[in-house]
Amino acid sequence: MQTAAAVPESVVGLSLASATTMSLPLIASHSNLVADVAAISERRSRKKNAPP
């Protein structure tokens, strides 16, 4: 009975680890996207404020 209870725990741990591994690149690309958007909006505001 003890081994049967241990199997789902290891499966849950494994899926959690794989989910974390999968989400890491997404988090990294998301932070890059935020930085890009910030840079673009900064450029736009500079163009608007620039004298003609």
N, C-alpha and C. Protein backbone atom coordinates (compact mmCIF):
# COMPACT_ATOMS: atom_id res chain seq x y z
N MET A 1 0.83 -1.21 0.00
CA MET A 1 0.00 0.00 0.00
C MET A 1 0.86 1.26 0.00
N GLN A 2 2.01 1.16 0.66
CA GLN A 2 2.88 2.34 0.76
C GLN A 2 3.47 2.70 -0.62
N THR A 3 3.83 1.69 -1.40
CA THR A 3 4.42 1.98 -2.71
C THR A 3 3.38 2.59 -3.65
N ALA A 4 2.13 2.15 -3.56
CA ALA A 4 1.07 2.69 -4.42
C ALA A 4 0.85 4.17 -4.12
N ALA A 5 1.00 4.57 -2.87
CA ALA A 5 0.83 5.98 -2.50
C ALA A 5 2.03 6.81 -2.94
N ALA A 6 3.19 6.18 -3.02
CA ALA A 6 4.41 6.91 -3.37
C ALA A 6 4.46 7.22 -4.87
N VAL A 7 3.83 6.39 -5.69
CA VAL A 7 3.90 6.59 -7.14
C VAL A 7 3.24 7.90 -7.58
N PRO A 8 1.99 8.20 -7.18
CA PRO A 8 1.39 9.47 -7.60
C PRO A 8 2.19 10.69 -7.14
N GLU A 9 2.78 10.61 -5.96
CA GLU A 9 3.58 11.74 -5.47
C GLU A 9 4.75 12.03 -6.40
N SER A 10 5.43 10.96 -6.85
CA SER A 10 6.58 11.17 -7.74
C SER A 10 6.12 11.67 -9.10
N VAL A 11 4.94 11.21 -9.55
CA VAL A 11 4.41 11.67 -10.84
C VAL A 11 4.06 13.15 -10.76
N VAL A 12 3.44 13.55 -9.65
CA VAL A 12 3.09 14.96 -9.45
C VAL A 12 4.35 15.81 -9.40
N GLY A 13 5.38 15.34 -8.70
CA GLY A 13 6.64 16.05 -8.62
C GLY A 13 7.29 16.19 -9.98
N LEU A 14 7.20 15.14 -10.78
CA LEU A 14 7.80 15.15 -12.12
C LEU A 14 7.07 16.13 -13.03
N SER A 15 5.74 16.11 -12.99
CA SER A 15 4.97 17.02 -13.85
C SER A 15 5.18 18.47 -13.42
N LEU A 16 5.31 18.69 -12.12
CA LEU A 16 5.55 20.03 -11.61
C LEU A 16 6.91 20.54 -12.09
N ALA A 17 7.92 19.66 -12.04
CA ALA A 17 9.25 20.03 -12.49
C ALA A 17 9.26 20.33 -13.98
N SER A 18 8.56 19.52 -14.78
CA SER A 18 8.53 19.75 -16.22
C SER A 18 7.75 21.02 -16.55
N ALA A 19 6.71 21.31 -15.78
CA ALA A 19 5.94 22.53 -16.00
C ALA A 19 6.79 23.76 -15.70
N THR A 20 7.60 23.68 -14.64
CA THR A 20 8.48 24.78 -14.29
C THR A 20 9.53 24.98 -15.38
N THR A 21 10.09 23.88 -15.89
CA THR A 21 11.09 23.95 -16.94
C THR A 21 10.50 24.56 -18.21
N MET A 22 9.26 24.20 -18.52
CA MET A 22 8.60 24.71 -19.72
C MET A 22 8.30 26.20 -19.60
N SER A 23 7.96 26.64 -18.40
CA SER A 23 7.53 28.03 -18.23
C SER A 23 8.71 29.00 -18.14
N LEU A 24 9.91 28.51 -17.84
CA LEU A 24 11.07 29.40 -17.72
C LEU A 24 11.35 30.19 -19.01
N PRO A 25 11.40 29.54 -20.19
CA PRO A 25 11.61 30.34 -21.41
C PRO A 25 10.49 31.34 -21.66
N LEU A 26 9.26 30.98 -21.31
CA LEU A 26 8.13 31.90 -21.49
C LEU A 26 8.31 33.15 -20.64
N ILE A 27 8.75 32.95 -19.39
CA ILE A 27 8.97 34.08 -18.49
C ILE A 27 10.08 34.97 -19.04
N ALA A 28 11.15 34.35 -19.53
CA ALA A 28 12.27 35.10 -20.08
C ALA A 28 11.84 35.91 -21.30
N SER A 29 11.07 35.29 -22.21
CA SER A 29 10.64 36.01 -23.40
C SER A 29 9.65 37.11 -23.05
N HIS A 30 8.86 36.87 -22.01
CA HIS A 30 7.90 37.89 -21.58
C HIS A 30 8.62 39.12 -21.06
N SER A 31 9.68 38.93 -20.28
CA SER A 31 10.42 40.08 -19.75
C SER A 31 11.12 40.82 -20.88
N ASN A 32 11.58 40.09 -21.89
CA ASN A 32 12.18 40.74 -23.07
C ASN A 32 11.14 41.58 -23.80
N LEU A 33 9.93 41.04 -23.90
CA LEU A 33 8.84 41.76 -24.57
C LEU A 33 8.52 43.05 -23.84
N VAL A 34 8.46 42.98 -22.52
CA VAL A 34 8.17 44.17 -21.71
C VAL A 34 9.26 45.22 -21.92
N ALA A 35 10.50 44.78 -21.96
CA ALA A 35 11.61 45.72 -22.18
C ALA A 35 11.52 46.35 -23.57
N ASP A 36 11.16 45.55 -24.58
CA ASP A 36 11.02 46.07 -25.94
C ASP A 36 9.91 47.12 -26.01
N VAL A 37 8.77 46.81 -25.41
CA VAL A 37 7.65 47.74 -25.43
C VAL A 37 8.02 49.05 -24.73
N ALA A 38 8.74 48.95 -23.62
CA ALA A 38 9.17 50.14 -22.90
C ALA A 38 10.11 50.98 -23.77
N ALA A 39 11.03 50.33 -24.47
CA ALA A 39 11.97 51.05 -25.33
C ALA A 39 11.24 51.72 -26.48
N ILE A 40 10.27 51.02 -27.07
CA ILE A 40 9.51 51.59 -28.19
C ILE A 40 8.70 52.80 -27.74
N SER A 41 8.03 52.69 -26.61
CA SER A 41 7.22 53.82 -26.13
C SER A 41 8.11 55.00 -25.77
N GLU A 42 9.32 54.71 -25.27
CA GLU A 42 10.26 55.80 -24.95
C GLU A 42 10.68 56.52 -26.23
N ARG A 43 10.94 55.76 -27.29
CA ARG A 43 11.33 56.36 -28.56
C ARG A 43 10.20 57.22 -29.13
N ARG A 44 8.98 56.71 -29.02
CA ARG A 44 7.83 57.46 -29.54
C ARG A 44 7.66 58.77 -28.81
N SER A 45 7.80 58.75 -27.48
CA SER A 45 7.63 59.99 -26.71
C SER A 45 8.76 60.97 -27.03
N ARG A 46 9.95 60.45 -27.32
CA ARG A 46 11.06 61.33 -27.69
C ARG A 46 10.77 62.01 -29.03
N LYS A 47 10.21 61.25 -29.97
CA LYS A 47 9.88 61.81 -31.29
C LYS A 47 8.83 62.91 -31.15
N LYS A 48 7.83 62.68 -30.31
CA LYS A 48 6.77 63.67 -30.11
C LYS A 48 7.32 64.95 -29.49
N ASN A 49 8.25 64.80 -28.55
CA ASN A 49 8.78 65.95 -27.83
C ASN A 49 9.89 66.67 -28.61
N ALA A 50 10.39 66.03 -29.65
CA ALA A 50 11.47 66.64 -30.43
C ALA A 50 10.95 67.85 -31.20
N PRO A 51 11.74 68.92 -31.25
CA PRO A 51 11.31 70.11 -32.01
C PRO A 51 11.27 69.81 -33.50
N PRO A 52 10.33 70.36 -34.24
CA PRO A 52 10.19 70.08 -35.69
C PRO A 52 11.34 70.65 -36.50
